[in-house]
Protein backbone atom coordinates (compact mmCIF):
# COMPACT_ATOMS: atom_id res chain seq x y z
CA UNK A 1 7.92 -11.63 10.52
CA UNK A 2 8.78 -15.12 10.06
CA UNK A 3 9.95 -16.00 6.42
CA UNK A 4 9.50 -19.56 5.24
CA UNK A 5 12.25 -20.41 2.06
CA UNK A 6 10.62 -23.38 0.28
CA UNK A 7 12.58 -26.31 0.33
CA UNK A 8 14.17 -27.45 -3.13
CA UNK A 9 12.08 -30.55 -4.18
CA UNK A 10 11.03 -32.19 -7.29
CA UNK A 11 7.85 -29.88 -6.89
CA UNK A 12 9.22 -26.71 -6.20
CA UNK A 13 11.05 -25.02 -9.20
CA UNK A 14 10.94 -21.58 -7.45
CA UNK A 15 14.32 -22.55 -5.53
CA UNK A 16 15.95 -24.57 -8.14
CA UNK A 17 19.09 -22.72 -9.21
CA UNK A 18 20.40 -25.44 -11.51
CA UNK A 19 17.70 -25.50 -13.83
CA UNK A 20 16.67 -23.44 -16.95
CA UNK A 21 16.85 -19.85 -17.25
CA UNK A 22 12.88 -19.61 -17.39
CA UNK A 23 10.31 -21.97 -15.64
CA UNK A 24 6.98 -21.04 -16.35
CA UNK A 25 4.10 -23.33 -14.85
CA UNK A 26 0.44 -23.27 -15.20
CA UNK A 27 -1.79 -22.28 -12.28
CA UNK A 28 -4.89 -24.64 -10.94
CA UNK A 29 -7.05 -25.29 -7.92
CA UNK A 30 -5.80 -28.95 -7.37
CA UNK A 31 -3.80 -30.44 -4.74
CA UNK A 32 -0.89 -31.53 -7.18
CA UNK A 33 -0.29 -28.18 -8.59
CA UNK A 34 2.85 -26.32 -8.00
CA UNK A 35 1.07 -23.09 -8.40
CA UNK A 36 -2.02 -23.98 -6.58
CA UNK A 37 -5.13 -21.40 -7.00
CA UNK A 38 -8.41 -21.53 -6.04
CA UNK A 39 -9.43 -19.08 -2.56
CA UNK A 40 -6.50 -19.60 -0.35
CA UNK A 41 -3.65 -17.65 1.52
CA UNK A 42 0.03 -18.59 1.60
CA UNK A 43 2.03 -16.67 4.77
CA UNK A 44 4.88 -14.98 4.60
CA UNK A 45 7.71 -16.70 2.06
CA UNK A 46 10.45 -16.16 -0.47
CA UNK A 47 11.81 -17.92 -3.60
CA UNK A 48 15.49 -18.10 -4.78
CA UNK A 49 13.97 -17.20 -8.02
CA UNK A 50 12.20 -13.86 -9.30
CA UNK A 51 8.71 -14.92 -9.55
CA UNK A 52 6.10 -13.18 -12.29
CA UNK A 53 2.66 -14.67 -11.59
CA UNK A 54 -1.03 -14.19 -13.40
CA UNK A 55 -4.12 -15.25 -12.94
CA UNK A 56 -7.31 -14.93 -15.91
CA UNK A 57 -9.70 -14.74 -13.56
CA UNK A 58 -10.36 -14.08 -9.65
CA UNK A 59 -7.86 -11.84 -7.79
CA UNK A 60 -4.77 -12.08 -6.19
CA UNK A 61 -3.28 -9.53 -3.17
CA UNK A 62 0.29 -9.77 -2.76
CA UNK A 63 1.99 -8.00 0.61
CA UNK A 64 5.48 -7.56 0.95
CA UNK A 65 7.76 -5.47 3.89
CA UNK A 66 7.28 -2.41 1.36
CA UNK A 67 3.88 -2.29 0.72
CA UNK A 68 0.63 -4.42 -1.19
CA UNK A 69 -0.70 -4.78 -4.65
CA UNK A 70 -3.53 -6.20 -6.34
CA UNK A 71 -3.34 -8.35 -9.53
CA UNK A 72 -6.94 -8.57 -11.25
CA UNK A 73 -6.64 -10.52 -14.23
CA UNK A 74 -4.41 -10.06 -16.90
CA UNK A 75 -2.20 -8.27 -14.86
CA UNK A 76 1.05 -10.19 -13.48
CA UNK A 77 2.90 -9.70 -10.12
CA UNK A 78 6.56 -9.46 -10.53
CA UNK A 79 8.96 -10.20 -7.40
CA UNK A 80 12.48 -9.95 -7.62
CA UNK A 81 14.53 -13.17 -6.31
CA UNK A 82 14.48 -13.34 -2.52
CA UNK A 83 11.41 -11.03 -2.02
CA UNK A 84 9.77 -11.49 1.27
CA UNK A 85 6.36 -11.62 0.27
CA UNK A 86 2.67 -13.25 1.77
CA UNK A 87 -0.31 -14.05 -1.25
CA UNK A 88 -4.19 -14.27 -0.52
CA UNK A 89 -6.20 -16.13 -3.60
CA UNK A 90 -9.67 -15.18 -4.48
CA UNK A 91 -11.87 -17.45 -6.83
CA UNK A 92 -8.72 -18.11 -9.33
CA UNK A 93 -8.99 -20.79 -11.51
CA UNK A 94 -6.41 -20.75 -13.93
CA UNK A 95 -3.52 -18.35 -14.23
CA UNK A 96 0.55 -19.15 -14.15
CA UNK A 97 3.80 -18.22 -12.74
CA UNK A 98 7.03 -17.72 -14.12
CA UNK A 99 10.59 -18.45 -12.46
CA UNK A 100 13.60 -16.56 -13.35
CA UNK A 101 17.25 -17.48 -12.47
CA UNK A 102 18.98 -14.32 -10.68
CA UNK A 103 21.13 -13.78 -13.25
CA UNK A 104 18.25 -13.25 -15.97
CA UNK A 105 17.15 -10.36 -14.00
CA UNK A 106 18.68 -7.66 -15.57
CA UNK A 107 16.58 -4.51 -16.87
CA UNK A 108 13.87 -5.94 -14.63
CA UNK A 109 12.20 -3.77 -12.12
CA UNK A 110 14.38 -3.81 -8.77
CA UNK A 111 11.44 -3.69 -7.02
CA UNK A 112 8.41 -5.71 -6.72
CA UNK A 113 5.42 -4.35 -8.85
CA UNK A 114 2.49 -4.96 -11.21
CA UNK A 115 2.92 -5.33 -14.83
CA UNK A 116 -0.03 -5.11 -17.88
CA UNK A 117 0.13 -8.38 -19.84
CA UNK A 118 0.09 -8.17 -23.52
CA UNK A 119 -1.33 -11.09 -25.64
CA UNK A 120 1.89 -11.85 -26.91
CA UNK A 121 3.55 -12.16 -23.36
CA UNK A 122 0.19 -14.25 -22.43
CA UNK A 123 1.03 -16.62 -25.32
CA UNK A 124 4.56 -17.28 -24.91
CA UNK A 125 3.83 -18.14 -21.39
CA UNK A 126 1.76 -20.85 -22.31
CA UNK A 127 4.00 -22.02 -24.67
CA UNK A 128 6.75 -22.41 -21.98
CA UNK A 129 4.55 -23.75 -19.35
CA UNK A 130 3.86 -26.84 -21.92
CA UNK A 131 7.59 -27.69 -21.53
CA UNK A 132 8.92 -30.28 -18.76
CA UNK A 133 10.25 -28.12 -15.97
CA UNK A 134 12.98 -29.71 -15.51
CA UNK A 135 14.13 -30.67 -19.00
CA UNK A 136 16.94 -28.97 -20.92
CA UNK A 137 15.78 -26.73 -23.30
CA UNK A 138 15.94 -27.10 -27.03
CA UNK A 139 17.44 -24.10 -29.46
CA UNK A 140 14.10 -23.29 -30.31
CA UNK A 141 12.66 -22.91 -26.68
CA UNK A 142 15.69 -20.88 -25.71
CA UNK A 143 14.61 -18.45 -28.28
CA UNK A 144 11.15 -18.33 -26.86
CA UNK A 145 12.40 -17.81 -23.74
CA UNK A 146 14.76 -15.11 -24.54
CA UNK A 147 11.59 -13.36 -26.09
CA UNK A 148 9.57 -13.88 -23.40
CA UNK A 149 11.75 -12.11 -21.07
CA UNK A 150 12.41 -9.38 -23.53
CA UNK A 151 8.53 -8.71 -23.35
CA UNK A 152 8.30 -8.94 -19.83
CA UNK A 153 11.25 -6.13 -19.64
CA UNK A 154 8.89 -3.96 -22.29
CA UNK A 155 5.58 -4.50 -20.01
CA UNK A 156 4.01 -1.16 -18.76
CA UNK A 157 3.71 -0.80 -15.09
CA UNK A 158 0.38 -0.39 -13.60
CA UNK A 159 -0.52 1.77 -10.29
CA UNK A 160 -1.83 -0.82 -7.99
CA UNK A 161 0.43 -0.64 -5.58
CA UNK A 162 0.12 0.70 -2.19
CA UNK A 163 3.75 1.60 -0.88
CA UNK A 164 3.80 0.84 2.92
CA UNK A 165 5.57 4.23 4.76
CA UNK A 166 8.54 3.87 6.72
CA UNK A 167 8.01 6.50 9.20
CA UNK A 168 6.56 4.87 12.47
CA UNK A 169 3.84 7.23 13.11
CA UNK A 170 2.90 6.94 9.26
CA UNK A 171 2.77 3.04 9.63
CA UNK A 172 0.26 3.59 12.72
CA UNK A 173 -1.88 5.35 10.45
CA UNK A 174 -1.76 3.27 7.70
CA UNK A 175 -2.39 0.27 9.58
CA UNK A 176 -5.30 1.55 11.01
CA UNK A 177 -6.47 2.39 7.66
CA UNK A 178 -5.88 -1.12 6.00
CA UNK A 179 -7.40 -2.43 9.30
CA UNK A 180 -10.97 -0.27 8.36
CA UNK A 181 -10.47 0.95 4.93
CA UNK A 182 -14.23 2.07 4.77
CA UNK A 183 -13.63 4.12 8.05
CA UNK A 184 -14.97 7.65 7.98
CA UNK A 185 -12.67 9.54 9.80
CA UNK A 186 -11.55 12.93 8.94
CA UNK A 187 -7.88 13.67 8.26
CA UNK A 188 -7.42 15.30 11.88
CA UNK A 189 -8.77 12.34 13.11
CA UNK A 190 -6.50 9.75 11.22
CA UNK A 191 -3.62 12.39 11.79
CA UNK A 192 -3.91 11.65 15.76
CA UNK A 193 -3.43 7.79 15.63
CA UNK A 194 0.10 9.00 14.59
CA UNK A 195 0.12 11.56 17.24
CA UNK A 196 0.33 14.08 13.86
CA UNK A 197 -1.29 17.21 12.87
CA UNK A 198 -3.47 16.90 9.43
CA UNK A 199 -0.96 19.24 7.78
CA UNK A 200 2.33 17.10 9.13
CA UNK A 201 0.24 14.39 7.74
CA UNK A 202 0.12 15.57 4.26
CA UNK A 203 3.34 16.64 4.12
CA UNK A 204 5.09 13.40 5.52
CA UNK A 205 2.68 11.23 3.69
CA UNK A 206 3.86 12.55 0.21
CA UNK A 207 7.64 12.68 1.41
CA UNK A 208 7.78 9.49 2.46
CA UNK A 209 5.21 7.17 0.30
CA UNK A 210 5.14 9.05 -2.68
CA UNK A 211 1.99 10.33 -3.20
CA UNK A 212 -0.56 12.44 -1.24
CA UNK A 213 -2.72 11.25 1.86
CA UNK A 214 -5.88 11.38 -0.14
CA UNK A 215 -4.63 9.23 -3.00
CA UNK A 216 -3.04 7.01 -0.59
CA UNK A 217 -6.31 6.07 0.90
CA UNK A 218 -8.26 6.22 -1.95
CA UNK A 219 -5.70 3.18 -3.16
CA UNK A 220 -6.07 1.27 -0.02
CA UNK A 221 -9.99 1.75 -0.61
CA UNK A 222 -9.52 0.22 -4.22
CA UNK A 223 -7.57 -2.55 -3.05
CA UNK A 224 -10.55 -3.48 -0.59
CA UNK A 225 -13.39 -2.78 -3.11
CA UNK A 226 -11.92 -5.27 -5.62
CA UNK A 227 -11.72 -7.35 -3.13
CA UNK A 228 -15.31 -7.22 -1.91
CA UNK A 229 -16.69 -6.86 -5.47
CA UNK A 230 -14.58 -10.45 -6.35
CA UNK A 231 -16.28 -12.04 -3.20
CA UNK A 232 -19.86 -10.97 -4.19
CA UNK A 233 -20.27 -7.47 -2.60
CA UNK A 234 -22.34 -5.09 -4.89
CA UNK A 235 -21.55 -1.82 -5.97
CA UNK A 236 -23.78 -0.42 -4.19
CA UNK A 237 -22.86 -2.11 -0.65
CA UNK A 238 -19.24 -1.11 -1.68
CA UNK A 239 -20.02 2.50 -2.43
CA UNK A 240 -22.03 3.11 0.38
CA UNK A 241 -19.64 1.06 2.86
CA UNK A 242 -16.68 3.69 1.45
CA UNK A 243 -18.96 7.01 2.05
CA UNK A 244 -19.69 7.35 -1.32
CA UNK A 245 -22.49 9.86 -2.19
CA UNK A 246 -24.09 7.51 -4.82
CA UNK A 247 -22.66 4.50 -6.79
CA UNK A 248 -22.35 6.78 -9.55
CA UNK A 249 -19.56 8.73 -7.76
CA UNK A 250 -17.60 5.57 -6.75
CA UNK A 251 -17.90 3.91 -10.38
CA UNK A 252 -16.21 6.94 -11.84
CA UNK A 253 -13.21 6.59 -9.50
CA UNK A 254 -13.01 3.00 -10.32
CA UNK A 255 -13.00 3.40 -14.00
CA UNK A 256 -10.32 6.15 -13.44
CA UNK A 257 -8.06 3.62 -11.28
CA UNK A 258 -9.10 0.63 -13.46
CA UNK A 259 -9.83 1.76 -16.97
CA UNK A 260 -13.04 -0.39 -16.78
CA UNK A 261 -16.59 -0.26 -14.57
CA UNK A 262 -17.27 -2.40 -11.54
CA UNK A 263 -19.37 -4.46 -14.11
CA UNK A 264 -16.59 -4.78 -16.74
CA UNK A 265 -13.58 -5.81 -14.62
CA UNK A 266 -16.37 -8.52 -12.45
CA UNK A 267 -17.07 -9.66 -15.96
CA UNK A 268 -13.62 -10.15 -16.66
CA UNK A 269 -12.78 -11.69 -13.08
CA UNK A 270 -15.21 -14.12 -13.38
CA UNK A 271 -14.52 -15.69 -17.41
């Protein structure tokens, strides 16, 4: 895995360690946007600063060496400083990214995660995004930045993470599932990919990834379904591809995981 470290320049504040504690940038689907959205992919890279990214519509899929996670609208992804990651953006037209100096990250999560965004945090970041990124901060702006950091520290964690197991046998199985999330193999068939029994797969996955095999696979399917729905696949097509007996069963699973039906989620994603 080749990691690209961005070169510091006037258009790359993620690497600037001499500037303000907090730099917020609005995201747009424009060539001159430092946090460019739309539908695109960014290969493996890392930032000297911590990053908090959020889209107001569309979808972001972030992958790190330890797993992947999904950012639907109004959720933010947090990456500690120096975290290798790659990003796939689907149909996002507006959003923002916050870059934090490493010294400001005390009390923030030690690992990448998904955070719920409160209306207050959304408003604070929008205010901060209106400031010239490189300009010294006034006392008022410093107070706003401090409150923004407090809100990030208090944000609720959301369970949209898919941890990648460290055991090489489990990784082979996990990679096979990610390559074919809609695959209808039995647990014994999945286990054979890693030269394991179904019983061993269940035990090792819980010990390694911190969740059951069935939940891990369902989380992989949820991420797959959300990306496909955002790209235009119907609920019935997604339900059928994932092997659900009926769309209503798929909708129930989706609601339990996301707190909204697919239709409600898509309405928010397309605003």
